[in-house]
Amino acid sequence: MFELLNETLFEKHIAEYLAGSKMYNQRTPKDFNIQKLVDSDMLLQFLREQPMWQKLITQSFADEQDALNIVIETINTKINRGESLLSLLKNGFMLQGRRIRLAAFKPKMTLDDDADHLYKKNIFSVVRQMKYSTQGFDKDNELDLCILLNGLPIITLELKNEATGQTVVNAMHQYQTNRHPQNRMLRTCLVHFAMDNNRVMMTPSWPAIIHASSHSTRKR
């Protein structure tokens, strides 16, 4: 029997497609700590790939969990002080005399084996029905999809399906009216997408109205 391609199936299809690639895995909302803005297991997985990590633990902390807690606390302190997540991803930060990297960008030359190794260890996660607030106007609201990089939230997506009578315009309206403009997680993410079967709209800043650019997937 034909099954109507509704929003939930659309969301499921995208999440499973991404999770099926080598770059992605699929996580759940329970894996993500809203207050601390992190999936700590994914962040720890990336930290363990850095040669300095074990040295840092041995020299400066009681154990790995203690070190991880301080890393997460430092990330949140810097975000609360106004530093952008993009800056933290690009530059990392110094902790006890060692640079903590939260992401690795493709090295300009492949001669640096350590840099190339770390770049290949980046892990993107896709999360369906992501809760992004536990209080106030946005309490218990959900995002259709959220993309994390090494456990840190970078992209949100609201999906609509034309087969059920809704389009990208409805997704934009949802961002504009059902999302608090001062929400901490939404302000921290790097980009937000409103999407239907044929069009994608995005904004790289929050709470800007989503109209910055568009792309049509219709065949011409």
N, C-alpha and C. Protein backbone atom coordinates (compact mmCIF):
# COMPACT_ATOMS: atom_id res chain seq x y z
N MET A 1 0.85 -1.20 0.00
CA MET A 1 0.00 0.00 0.00
C MET A 1 0.88 1.24 0.00
N PHE A 2 0.51 2.24 -0.84
CA PHE A 2 1.30 3.47 -0.92
C PHE A 2 1.22 4.25 0.38
N GLU A 3 2.37 4.70 0.86
CA GLU A 3 2.41 5.48 2.10
C GLU A 3 2.73 6.92 1.78
N LEU A 4 1.87 7.84 2.20
CA LEU A 4 2.06 9.25 1.93
C LEU A 4 3.39 9.72 2.51
N LEU A 5 4.16 10.42 1.69
CA LEU A 5 5.45 10.93 2.13
C LEU A 5 5.21 12.14 3.03
N ASN A 6 4.99 11.88 4.31
CA ASN A 6 4.73 12.99 5.23
C ASN A 6 6.04 13.52 5.80
N GLU A 7 5.91 14.51 6.69
CA GLU A 7 7.10 15.17 7.24
C GLU A 7 7.98 14.21 8.03
N THR A 8 7.36 13.30 8.78
CA THR A 8 8.12 12.35 9.58
C THR A 8 8.95 11.42 8.71
N LEU A 9 8.37 10.95 7.63
CA LEU A 9 9.12 10.08 6.71
C LEU A 9 10.23 10.85 6.01
N PHE A 10 9.96 12.10 5.68
CA PHE A 10 10.96 12.98 5.06
C PHE A 10 12.15 13.13 6.00
N GLU A 11 11.86 13.41 7.25
CA GLU A 11 12.89 13.55 8.28
C GLU A 11 13.67 12.25 8.46
N LYS A 12 12.97 11.16 8.54
CA LYS A 12 13.60 9.85 8.73
C LYS A 12 14.52 9.51 7.55
N HIS A 13 14.06 9.81 6.35
CA HIS A 13 14.85 9.53 5.15
C HIS A 13 16.17 10.30 5.17
N ILE A 14 16.11 11.58 5.50
CA ILE A 14 17.33 12.41 5.53
C ILE A 14 18.28 11.92 6.62
N ALA A 15 17.74 11.65 7.81
CA ALA A 15 18.58 11.20 8.92
C ALA A 15 19.26 9.88 8.61
N GLU A 16 18.52 8.95 8.05
CA GLU A 16 19.10 7.64 7.74
C GLU A 16 20.10 7.72 6.60
N TYR A 17 19.86 8.61 5.66
CA TYR A 17 20.81 8.79 4.56
C TYR A 17 22.14 9.33 5.10
N LEU A 18 22.06 10.33 5.94
CA LEU A 18 23.29 10.90 6.51
C LEU A 18 24.00 9.88 7.39
N ALA A 19 23.24 9.20 8.25
CA ALA A 19 23.84 8.24 9.18
C ALA A 19 24.47 7.06 8.44
N GLY A 20 24.07 6.85 7.20
CA GLY A 20 24.63 5.75 6.42
C GLY A 20 25.98 6.07 5.80
N SER A 21 26.41 7.32 5.91
CA SER A 21 27.72 7.69 5.36
C SER A 21 28.81 7.52 6.41
N LYS A 22 30.05 7.50 5.97
CA LYS A 22 31.18 7.32 6.89
C LYS A 22 31.40 8.54 7.77
N MET A 23 30.90 9.69 7.35
CA MET A 23 31.13 10.93 8.09
C MET A 23 30.16 11.11 9.25
N TYR A 24 29.04 10.39 9.23
CA TYR A 24 27.97 10.64 10.19
C TYR A 24 27.66 9.40 11.04
N ASN A 25 27.10 9.68 12.21
CA ASN A 25 26.38 8.65 12.95
C ASN A 25 25.06 9.25 13.40
N GLN A 26 24.17 8.44 13.93
CA GLN A 26 22.89 8.95 14.40
C GLN A 26 22.82 8.84 15.91
N ARG A 27 22.50 9.95 16.54
CA ARG A 27 22.39 10.02 17.99
C ARG A 27 20.96 10.36 18.37
N THR A 28 20.67 10.34 19.66
CA THR A 28 19.32 10.63 20.12
C THR A 28 19.33 11.90 20.97
N PRO A 29 18.15 12.51 21.15
CA PRO A 29 18.09 13.71 22.01
C PRO A 29 18.60 13.45 23.43
N LYS A 30 18.45 12.22 23.91
CA LYS A 30 18.91 11.90 25.27
C LYS A 30 20.43 11.94 25.39
N ASP A 31 21.12 11.83 24.25
CA ASP A 31 22.59 11.89 24.28
C ASP A 31 23.10 13.32 24.44
N PHE A 32 22.22 14.28 24.23
CA PHE A 32 22.63 15.69 24.19
C PHE A 32 22.22 16.41 25.47
N ASN A 33 23.16 17.11 26.09
CA ASN A 33 22.90 17.90 27.29
C ASN A 33 22.59 19.34 26.86
N ILE A 34 21.34 19.75 27.00
CA ILE A 34 20.93 21.06 26.52
C ILE A 34 21.64 22.18 27.27
N GLN A 35 21.73 22.06 28.59
CA GLN A 35 22.37 23.12 29.37
C GLN A 35 23.85 23.28 29.01
N LYS A 36 24.52 22.17 28.75
CA LYS A 36 25.96 22.22 28.46
C LYS A 36 26.26 22.23 26.96
N LEU A 37 25.22 22.17 26.14
CA LEU A 37 25.35 22.26 24.68
C LEU A 37 26.30 21.22 24.10
N VAL A 38 26.19 19.99 24.57
CA VAL A 38 27.16 18.99 24.10
C VAL A 38 26.62 17.57 24.22
N ASP A 39 27.03 16.76 23.27
CA ASP A 39 26.95 15.30 23.38
C ASP A 39 28.34 14.89 23.85
N SER A 40 28.48 14.70 25.14
CA SER A 40 29.80 14.53 25.74
C SER A 40 30.53 13.28 25.23
N ASP A 41 29.80 12.23 24.90
CA ASP A 41 30.45 11.02 24.40
C ASP A 41 31.15 11.27 23.06
N MET A 42 30.49 12.05 22.20
CA MET A 42 31.07 12.36 20.89
C MET A 42 32.25 13.32 21.03
N LEU A 43 32.15 14.27 21.94
CA LEU A 43 33.27 15.17 22.17
C LEU A 43 34.46 14.39 22.71
N LEU A 44 34.22 13.51 23.67
CA LEU A 44 35.30 12.72 24.25
C LEU A 44 35.97 11.85 23.20
N GLN A 45 35.17 11.29 22.31
CA GLN A 45 35.73 10.46 21.25
C GLN A 45 36.74 11.24 20.41
N PHE A 46 36.43 12.50 20.11
CA PHE A 46 37.36 13.32 19.33
C PHE A 46 38.57 13.74 20.15
N LEU A 47 38.37 14.07 21.40
CA LEU A 47 39.49 14.46 22.26
C LEU A 47 40.51 13.33 22.40
N ARG A 48 40.03 12.11 22.46
CA ARG A 48 40.92 10.95 22.62
C ARG A 48 41.84 10.74 21.42
N GLU A 49 41.49 11.33 20.29
CA GLU A 49 42.32 11.20 19.09
C GLU A 49 43.50 12.16 19.09
N GLN A 50 43.54 13.06 20.07
CA GLN A 50 44.60 14.06 20.13
C GLN A 50 45.72 13.60 21.07
N PRO A 51 46.97 13.62 20.60
CA PRO A 51 48.09 13.12 21.40
C PRO A 51 48.22 13.78 22.77
N MET A 52 47.77 15.05 22.86
CA MET A 52 47.94 15.77 24.13
C MET A 52 46.98 15.30 25.20
N TRP A 53 45.90 14.58 24.83
CA TRP A 53 44.81 14.32 25.75
C TRP A 53 45.26 13.51 26.97
N GLN A 54 45.90 12.40 26.75
CA GLN A 54 46.35 11.57 27.87
C GLN A 54 47.40 12.28 28.72
N LYS A 55 48.27 13.04 28.07
CA LYS A 55 49.29 13.81 28.81
C LYS A 55 48.62 14.84 29.70
N LEU A 56 47.58 15.50 29.18
CA LEU A 56 46.86 16.51 29.95
C LEU A 56 46.21 15.88 31.17
N ILE A 57 45.57 14.74 30.99
CA ILE A 57 44.91 14.05 32.11
C ILE A 57 45.93 13.67 33.18
N THR A 58 47.02 13.06 32.74
CA THR A 58 48.05 12.59 33.67
C THR A 58 48.66 13.72 34.48
N GLN A 59 48.92 14.85 33.82
CA GLN A 59 49.64 15.94 34.47
C GLN A 59 48.76 16.90 35.26
N SER A 60 47.47 17.01 34.88
CA SER A 60 46.68 18.11 35.45
C SER A 60 45.34 17.73 36.06
N PHE A 61 44.88 16.48 35.88
CA PHE A 61 43.53 16.14 36.33
C PHE A 61 43.49 14.81 37.07
N ALA A 62 42.43 14.64 37.84
CA ALA A 62 42.29 13.41 38.61
C ALA A 62 42.05 12.21 37.70
N ASP A 63 41.24 12.41 36.66
CA ASP A 63 40.95 11.32 35.74
C ASP A 63 40.36 11.92 34.46
N GLU A 64 40.00 11.07 33.52
CA GLU A 64 39.50 11.55 32.24
C GLU A 64 38.19 12.32 32.38
N GLN A 65 37.30 11.85 33.23
CA GLN A 65 36.02 12.53 33.40
C GLN A 65 36.21 13.93 33.97
N ASP A 66 37.15 14.07 34.88
CA ASP A 66 37.47 15.37 35.44
C ASP A 66 37.95 16.32 34.34
N ALA A 67 38.82 15.83 33.48
CA ALA A 67 39.33 16.64 32.38
C ALA A 67 38.21 17.02 31.41
N LEU A 68 37.36 16.06 31.08
CA LEU A 68 36.25 16.31 30.16
C LEU A 68 35.30 17.37 30.73
N ASN A 69 35.01 17.27 32.01
CA ASN A 69 34.13 18.25 32.65
C ASN A 69 34.69 19.67 32.54
N ILE A 70 35.99 19.80 32.72
CA ILE A 70 36.61 21.12 32.64
C ILE A 70 36.59 21.63 31.19
N VAL A 71 36.81 20.76 30.23
CA VAL A 71 36.74 21.16 28.82
C VAL A 71 35.35 21.68 28.50
N ILE A 72 34.32 20.96 28.91
CA ILE A 72 32.93 21.36 28.63
C ILE A 72 32.60 22.65 29.36
N GLU A 73 33.06 22.77 30.59
CA GLU A 73 32.83 24.00 31.36
C GLU A 73 33.49 25.19 30.67
N THR A 74 34.70 24.99 30.15
CA THR A 74 35.42 26.07 29.48
C THR A 74 34.70 26.49 28.19
N ILE A 75 34.22 25.52 27.43
CA ILE A 75 33.47 25.83 26.21
C ILE A 75 32.27 26.71 26.54
N ASN A 76 31.52 26.32 27.56
CA ASN A 76 30.32 27.07 27.92
C ASN A 76 30.65 28.45 28.47
N THR A 77 31.71 28.56 29.23
CA THR A 77 32.12 29.86 29.76
C THR A 77 32.47 30.81 28.61
N LYS A 78 33.19 30.31 27.62
CA LYS A 78 33.58 31.15 26.48
C LYS A 78 32.37 31.55 25.65
N ILE A 79 31.43 30.64 25.45
CA ILE A 79 30.21 30.98 24.71
C ILE A 79 29.39 32.01 25.48
N ASN A 80 29.30 31.85 26.80
CA ASN A 80 28.55 32.81 27.62
C ASN A 80 29.18 34.19 27.59
N ARG A 81 30.48 34.24 27.38
CA ARG A 81 31.18 35.53 27.32
C ARG A 81 31.13 36.15 25.93
N GLY A 82 30.51 35.46 24.99
CA GLY A 82 30.34 36.04 23.66
C GLY A 82 31.21 35.47 22.56
N GLU A 83 32.06 34.51 22.87
CA GLU A 83 32.88 33.92 21.81
C GLU A 83 32.01 32.99 20.97
N SER A 84 32.18 33.06 19.66
CA SER A 84 31.35 32.26 18.78
C SER A 84 31.82 30.81 18.75
N LEU A 85 30.87 29.91 18.51
CA LEU A 85 31.22 28.51 18.39
C LEU A 85 32.14 28.30 17.19
N LEU A 86 31.94 29.07 16.12
CA LEU A 86 32.81 28.95 14.95
C LEU A 86 34.26 29.23 15.32
N SER A 87 34.48 30.26 16.12
CA SER A 87 35.83 30.59 16.56
C SER A 87 36.43 29.46 17.39
N LEU A 88 35.64 28.87 18.27
CA LEU A 88 36.12 27.77 19.08
C LEU A 88 36.45 26.55 18.22
N LEU A 89 35.61 26.28 17.22
CA LEU A 89 35.89 25.15 16.33
C LEU A 89 37.15 25.37 15.51
N LYS A 90 37.38 26.59 15.09
CA LYS A 90 38.54 26.90 14.25
C LYS A 90 39.84 26.94 15.07
N ASN A 91 39.76 27.52 16.26
CA ASN A 91 40.98 27.81 17.01
C ASN A 91 41.19 26.97 18.25
N GLY A 92 40.12 26.34 18.75
CA GLY A 92 40.27 25.62 20.00
C GLY A 92 40.57 26.59 21.13
N PHE A 93 41.21 26.11 22.19
CA PHE A 93 41.61 26.98 23.29
C PHE A 93 42.70 26.29 24.10
N MET A 94 43.40 27.09 24.89
CA MET A 94 44.48 26.57 25.70
C MET A 94 43.94 26.16 27.07
N LEU A 95 44.39 25.00 27.52
CA LEU A 95 44.02 24.50 28.85
C LEU A 95 45.25 23.87 29.48
N GLN A 96 45.66 24.41 30.60
CA GLN A 96 46.85 23.91 31.30
C GLN A 96 48.06 23.81 30.36
N GLY A 97 48.21 24.82 29.50
CA GLY A 97 49.36 24.88 28.61
C GLY A 97 49.26 24.01 27.37
N ARG A 98 48.12 23.38 27.14
CA ARG A 98 47.95 22.53 25.95
C ARG A 98 46.71 22.98 25.17
N ARG A 99 46.84 22.93 23.84
CA ARG A 99 45.73 23.36 23.00
C ARG A 99 44.70 22.25 22.84
N ILE A 100 43.48 22.58 23.22
CA ILE A 100 42.35 21.68 23.04
C ILE A 100 41.71 21.99 21.69
N ARG A 101 41.63 21.01 20.83
CA ARG A 101 40.97 21.21 19.54
C ARG A 101 39.60 20.55 19.56
N LEU A 102 38.61 21.29 19.10
CA LEU A 102 37.24 20.81 19.09
C LEU A 102 36.82 20.32 17.71
N ALA A 103 37.63 20.63 16.71
CA ALA A 103 37.41 20.16 15.35
C ALA A 103 38.73 20.28 14.61
N ALA A 104 38.84 19.57 13.51
CA ALA A 104 40.06 19.63 12.70
C ALA A 104 39.67 19.91 11.25
N PHE A 105 40.27 20.95 10.68
CA PHE A 105 40.00 21.30 9.29
C PHE A 105 41.02 20.64 8.38
N LYS A 106 40.65 20.48 7.13
CA LYS A 106 41.51 19.78 6.19
C LYS A 106 42.85 20.48 6.07
N PRO A 107 43.95 19.79 6.30
CA PRO A 107 45.27 20.44 6.22
C PRO A 107 45.58 20.84 4.78
N LYS A 108 46.33 21.93 4.64
CA LYS A 108 46.69 22.42 3.31
C LYS A 108 47.64 21.46 2.61
N MET A 109 48.42 20.75 3.40
CA MET A 109 49.34 19.77 2.84
C MET A 109 49.13 18.44 3.55
N THR A 110 49.27 17.36 2.85
CA THR A 110 49.05 16.03 3.43
C THR A 110 50.30 15.47 4.10
N LEU A 111 51.36 16.29 4.19
CA LEU A 111 52.61 15.82 4.79
C LEU A 111 52.52 15.75 6.30
N ASP A 112 51.56 16.47 6.86
CA ASP A 112 51.38 16.48 8.31
C ASP A 112 50.45 15.32 8.68
N ASP A 113 51.04 14.20 9.05
CA ASP A 113 50.24 13.01 9.33
C ASP A 113 49.29 13.19 10.52
N ASP A 114 49.74 13.90 11.55
CA ASP A 114 48.90 14.11 12.73
C ASP A 114 47.67 14.95 12.39
N ALA A 115 47.88 16.02 11.61
CA ALA A 115 46.76 16.88 11.22
C ALA A 115 45.79 16.14 10.32
N ASP A 116 46.31 15.36 9.41
CA ASP A 116 45.45 14.60 8.49
C ASP A 116 44.66 13.53 9.26
N HIS A 117 45.32 12.90 10.21
CA HIS A 117 44.65 11.88 11.03
C HIS A 117 43.49 12.50 11.81
N LEU A 118 43.75 13.65 12.44
CA LEU A 118 42.72 14.27 13.26
C LEU A 118 41.55 14.75 12.38
N TYR A 119 41.87 15.27 11.21
CA TYR A 119 40.83 15.71 10.28
C TYR A 119 39.88 14.56 9.94
N LYS A 120 40.44 13.40 9.72
CA LYS A 120 39.63 12.23 9.36
C LYS A 120 38.84 11.68 10.54
N LYS A 121 39.16 12.13 11.75
CA LYS A 121 38.45 11.66 12.94
C LYS A 121 37.29 12.58 13.34
N ASN A 122 37.09 13.68 12.60
CA ASN A 122 35.88 14.46 12.84
C ASN A 122 34.66 13.56 12.68
N ILE A 123 33.70 13.74 13.54
CA ILE A 123 32.48 12.94 13.40
C ILE A 123 31.26 13.86 13.48
N PHE A 124 30.44 13.80 12.44
CA PHE A 124 29.18 14.52 12.42
C PHE A 124 28.08 13.58 12.94
N SER A 125 27.16 14.14 13.69
CA SER A 125 26.04 13.36 14.20
C SER A 125 24.74 14.02 13.76
N VAL A 126 23.77 13.21 13.39
CA VAL A 126 22.44 13.72 13.07
C VAL A 126 21.49 13.28 14.18
N VAL A 127 20.67 14.21 14.65
CA VAL A 127 19.74 13.94 15.74
C VAL A 127 18.34 14.34 15.30
N ARG A 128 17.40 13.42 15.42
CA ARG A 128 16.01 13.71 15.09
C ARG A 128 15.26 14.18 16.33
N GLN A 129 14.28 15.07 16.09
CA GLN A 129 13.41 15.54 17.17
C GLN A 129 14.22 16.02 18.37
N MET A 130 15.13 16.92 18.08
CA MET A 130 16.05 17.43 19.09
C MET A 130 15.38 18.48 19.98
N LYS A 131 15.26 18.20 21.26
CA LYS A 131 14.80 19.21 22.20
C LYS A 131 15.95 20.17 22.44
N TYR A 132 15.64 21.47 22.44
CA TYR A 132 16.70 22.46 22.53
C TYR A 132 16.52 23.42 23.70
N SER A 133 15.51 23.18 24.54
CA SER A 133 15.30 24.04 25.69
C SER A 133 14.53 23.28 26.76
N THR A 134 14.79 23.61 28.00
CA THR A 134 14.08 22.96 29.11
C THR A 134 13.29 23.97 29.94
N GLN A 135 13.22 25.23 29.45
CA GLN A 135 12.52 26.24 30.24
C GLN A 135 11.98 27.35 29.34
N GLY A 136 11.09 28.13 29.92
CA GLY A 136 10.57 29.30 29.23
C GLY A 136 9.74 28.99 28.01
N PHE A 137 9.71 29.93 27.09
CA PHE A 137 8.88 29.86 25.88
C PHE A 137 9.14 28.60 25.06
N ASP A 138 10.39 28.17 25.00
CA ASP A 138 10.78 27.05 24.14
C ASP A 138 10.78 25.70 24.87
N LYS A 139 10.34 25.66 26.09
CA LYS A 139 10.43 24.42 26.87
C LYS A 139 9.80 23.25 26.13
N ASP A 140 10.60 22.19 25.99
CA ASP A 140 10.19 20.93 25.36
C ASP A 140 9.89 21.04 23.86
N ASN A 141 10.13 22.20 23.26
CA ASN A 141 10.03 22.30 21.80
C ASN A 141 11.10 21.42 21.15
N GLU A 142 10.83 21.00 19.93
CA GLU A 142 11.77 20.13 19.22
C GLU A 142 12.12 20.69 17.85
N LEU A 143 13.33 20.42 17.42
CA LEU A 143 13.78 20.69 16.06
C LEU A 143 13.68 19.39 15.28
N ASP A 144 13.29 19.48 14.02
CA ASP A 144 13.17 18.26 13.22
C ASP A 144 14.50 17.53 13.15
N LEU A 145 15.56 18.27 12.83
CA LEU A 145 16.89 17.68 12.75
C LEU A 145 17.91 18.65 13.31
N CYS A 146 18.95 18.10 13.90
CA CYS A 146 20.09 18.91 14.34
C CYS A 146 21.36 18.16 13.96
N ILE A 147 22.34 18.90 13.49
CA ILE A 147 23.64 18.32 13.14
C ILE A 147 24.68 18.77 14.16
N LEU A 148 25.41 17.81 14.69
CA LEU A 148 26.49 18.09 15.64
C LEU A 148 27.83 17.79 14.98
N LEU A 149 28.84 18.53 15.35
CA LEU A 149 30.21 18.23 14.95
C LEU A 149 31.01 17.94 16.21
N ASN A 150 31.48 16.72 16.33
CA ASN A 150 32.21 16.29 17.53
C ASN A 150 31.43 16.61 18.80
N GLY A 151 30.11 16.42 18.70
CA GLY A 151 29.25 16.60 19.86
C GLY A 151 28.72 17.99 20.08
N LEU A 152 29.14 18.96 19.26
CA LEU A 152 28.71 20.35 19.44
C LEU A 152 27.71 20.73 18.35
N PRO A 153 26.63 21.42 18.69
CA PRO A 153 25.56 21.71 17.72
C PRO A 153 25.96 22.80 16.73
N ILE A 154 25.82 22.51 15.44
CA ILE A 154 26.22 23.51 14.43
C ILE A 154 25.09 23.86 13.45
N ILE A 155 24.13 22.95 13.23
CA ILE A 155 23.10 23.17 12.21
C ILE A 155 21.75 22.72 12.76
N THR A 156 20.71 23.50 12.49
CA THR A 156 19.34 23.07 12.77
C THR A 156 18.55 23.06 11.47
N LEU A 157 17.55 22.19 11.39
CA LEU A 157 16.70 22.10 10.20
C LEU A 157 15.25 21.92 10.61
N GLU A 158 14.37 22.69 9.98
CA GLU A 158 12.93 22.49 10.08
C GLU A 158 12.45 22.00 8.72
N LEU A 159 11.77 20.88 8.68
CA LEU A 159 11.35 20.25 7.43
C LEU A 159 9.83 20.33 7.26
N LYS A 160 9.42 20.57 6.03
CA LYS A 160 8.00 20.52 5.69
C LYS A 160 7.85 19.71 4.40
N ASN A 161 6.67 19.11 4.24
CA ASN A 161 6.45 18.27 3.07
C ASN A 161 5.25 18.77 2.28
N GLU A 162 5.46 19.03 1.01
CA GLU A 162 4.40 19.56 0.17
C GLU A 162 3.24 18.58 0.01
N ALA A 163 3.53 17.29 0.17
CA ALA A 163 2.48 16.28 0.03
C ALA A 163 1.42 16.40 1.11
N THR A 164 1.76 17.04 2.22
CA THR A 164 0.80 17.24 3.31
C THR A 164 0.36 18.71 3.41
N GLY A 165 0.66 19.48 2.36
CA GLY A 165 0.14 20.84 2.29
C GLY A 165 0.99 21.91 2.94
N GLN A 166 2.22 21.58 3.33
CA GLN A 166 3.09 22.58 3.94
C GLN A 166 4.37 22.74 3.13
N THR A 167 4.91 23.94 3.14
CA THR A 167 6.09 24.24 2.35
C THR A 167 7.16 24.90 3.22
N VAL A 168 8.23 25.30 2.56
CA VAL A 168 9.32 25.98 3.25
C VAL A 168 8.84 27.25 3.95
N VAL A 169 7.79 27.87 3.43
CA VAL A 169 7.23 29.07 4.06
C VAL A 169 6.73 28.75 5.46
N ASN A 170 6.10 27.60 5.62
CA ASN A 170 5.63 27.19 6.95
C ASN A 170 6.80 26.94 7.90
N ALA A 171 7.87 26.37 7.36
CA ALA A 171 9.06 26.13 8.18
C ALA A 171 9.67 27.45 8.63
N MET A 172 9.73 28.42 7.73
CA MET A 172 10.24 29.75 8.09
C MET A 172 9.36 30.39 9.16
N HIS A 173 8.06 30.27 9.00
CA HIS A 173 7.12 30.83 9.98
C HIS A 173 7.32 30.19 11.34
N GLN A 174 7.61 28.89 11.35
CA GLN A 174 7.84 28.19 12.61
C GLN A 174 9.06 28.74 13.32
N TYR A 175 10.14 28.98 12.59
CA TYR A 175 11.33 29.59 13.18
C TYR A 175 11.00 30.99 13.72
N GLN A 176 10.24 31.74 12.95
CA GLN A 176 9.98 33.14 13.30
C GLN A 176 9.04 33.31 14.49
N THR A 177 8.10 32.37 14.65
CA THR A 177 7.07 32.56 15.67
C THR A 177 7.12 31.58 16.83
N ASN A 178 7.71 30.40 16.63
CA ASN A 178 7.70 29.37 17.67
C ASN A 178 9.08 29.11 18.28
N ARG A 179 10.03 29.96 18.00
CA ARG A 179 11.38 29.83 18.54
C ARG A 179 11.78 31.14 19.19
N HIS A 180 12.16 31.07 20.46
CA HIS A 180 12.52 32.31 21.16
C HIS A 180 13.81 32.89 20.58
N PRO A 181 13.82 34.18 20.23
CA PRO A 181 15.00 34.78 19.59
C PRO A 181 16.25 34.78 20.45
N GLN A 182 16.09 34.65 21.77
CA GLN A 182 17.26 34.64 22.65
C GLN A 182 17.65 33.24 23.11
N ASN A 183 17.05 32.22 22.51
CA ASN A 183 17.38 30.86 22.94
C ASN A 183 18.87 30.59 22.78
N ARG A 184 19.49 30.07 23.81
CA ARG A 184 20.95 29.93 23.84
C ARG A 184 21.47 28.96 22.79
N MET A 185 20.81 27.83 22.63
CA MET A 185 21.29 26.86 21.66
C MET A 185 21.14 27.37 20.24
N LEU A 186 20.00 27.98 19.94
CA LEU A 186 19.78 28.49 18.60
C LEU A 186 20.76 29.60 18.26
N ARG A 187 21.09 30.42 19.24
CA ARG A 187 22.07 31.49 19.01
C ARG A 187 23.48 30.93 18.83
N THR A 188 23.73 29.76 19.41
CA THR A 188 25.07 29.17 19.33
C THR A 188 25.30 28.47 18.00
N CYS A 189 24.28 27.83 17.45
CA CYS A 189 24.44 27.10 16.18
C CYS A 189 24.89 28.04 15.06
N LEU A 190 25.55 27.47 14.07
CA LEU A 190 26.15 28.27 13.01
C LEU A 190 25.20 28.62 11.88
N VAL A 191 24.23 27.75 11.61
CA VAL A 191 23.33 28.00 10.48
C VAL A 191 22.01 27.26 10.71
N HIS A 192 20.94 27.84 10.16
CA HIS A 192 19.60 27.27 10.33
C HIS A 192 18.95 27.14 8.96
N PHE A 193 18.33 25.98 8.71
CA PHE A 193 17.72 25.70 7.42
C PHE A 193 16.22 25.48 7.57
N ALA A 194 15.45 26.07 6.66
CA ALA A 194 14.04 25.75 6.48
C ALA A 194 13.96 25.04 5.13
N MET A 195 13.25 23.91 5.08
CA MET A 195 13.38 23.05 3.90
C MET A 195 12.07 22.33 3.60
N ASP A 196 11.72 22.25 2.30
CA ASP A 196 10.66 21.36 1.87
C ASP A 196 11.19 20.48 0.74
N ASN A 197 10.32 19.83 0.00
CA ASN A 197 10.77 18.90 -1.04
C ASN A 197 11.54 19.58 -2.16
N ASN A 198 11.29 20.89 -2.36
CA ASN A 198 11.85 21.56 -3.51
C ASN A 198 12.70 22.78 -3.22
N ARG A 199 12.56 23.31 -2.02
CA ARG A 199 13.30 24.54 -1.71
C ARG A 199 13.97 24.47 -0.34
N VAL A 200 15.09 25.17 -0.27
CA VAL A 200 15.84 25.28 0.98
C VAL A 200 16.14 26.74 1.22
N MET A 201 15.83 27.23 2.39
CA MET A 201 16.17 28.59 2.80
C MET A 201 17.06 28.50 4.03
N MET A 202 17.97 29.47 4.16
CA MET A 202 18.89 29.39 5.29
C MET A 202 19.27 30.78 5.78
N THR A 203 19.76 30.80 7.02
CA THR A 203 20.37 32.00 7.57
C THR A 203 21.56 31.59 8.43
N PRO A 204 22.68 32.29 8.31
CA PRO A 204 23.85 31.97 9.13
C PRO A 204 23.82 32.66 10.49
N SER A 205 22.75 33.37 10.78
CA SER A 205 22.69 34.07 12.06
C SER A 205 21.32 33.93 12.67
N TRP A 206 21.27 33.98 13.97
CA TRP A 206 20.01 33.89 14.71
C TRP A 206 19.87 35.14 15.56
N PRO A 207 18.75 35.81 15.63
CA PRO A 207 17.44 35.37 15.16
C PRO A 207 17.02 36.00 13.84
N ALA A 208 17.91 36.15 12.87
CA ALA A 208 17.54 36.73 11.58
C ALA A 208 16.41 35.93 10.93
N ILE A 209 15.52 36.62 10.25
CA ILE A 209 14.45 35.94 9.53
C ILE A 209 15.07 35.14 8.40
N ILE A 210 14.66 33.92 8.24
CA ILE A 210 15.27 33.03 7.26
C ILE A 210 14.83 33.40 5.84
N HIS A 211 15.69 34.14 5.17
CA HIS A 211 15.42 34.50 3.78
C HIS A 211 16.72 34.78 3.04
N ALA A 212 17.85 34.50 3.69
CA ALA A 212 19.15 34.92 3.16
C ALA A 212 19.44 34.35 1.78
N SER A 213 19.15 33.09 1.57
CA SER A 213 19.40 32.50 0.26
C SER A 213 18.49 31.32 0.06
N SER A 214 18.32 30.91 -1.19
CA SER A 214 17.46 29.78 -1.46
C SER A 214 18.03 28.95 -2.57
N HIS A 215 17.60 27.69 -2.59
CA HIS A 215 18.03 26.76 -3.63
C HIS A 215 16.87 25.88 -4.01
N SER A 216 16.61 25.72 -5.29
CA SER A 216 15.50 24.91 -5.73
C SER A 216 16.01 23.58 -6.26
N THR A 217 15.31 22.51 -5.88
CA THR A 217 15.70 21.19 -6.35
C THR A 217 14.81 20.73 -7.49
N ARG A 218 13.91 21.62 -8.00
CA ARG A 218 13.06 21.25 -9.09
C ARG A 218 13.86 21.04 -10.37
N LYS A 219 13.50 20.04 -11.10
CA LYS A 219 14.13 19.80 -12.39
C LYS A 219 13.62 20.82 -13.40
N ARG A 220 14.53 21.30 -14.24
CA ARG A 220 14.13 22.27 -15.25
C ARG A 220 14.26 21.68 -16.64
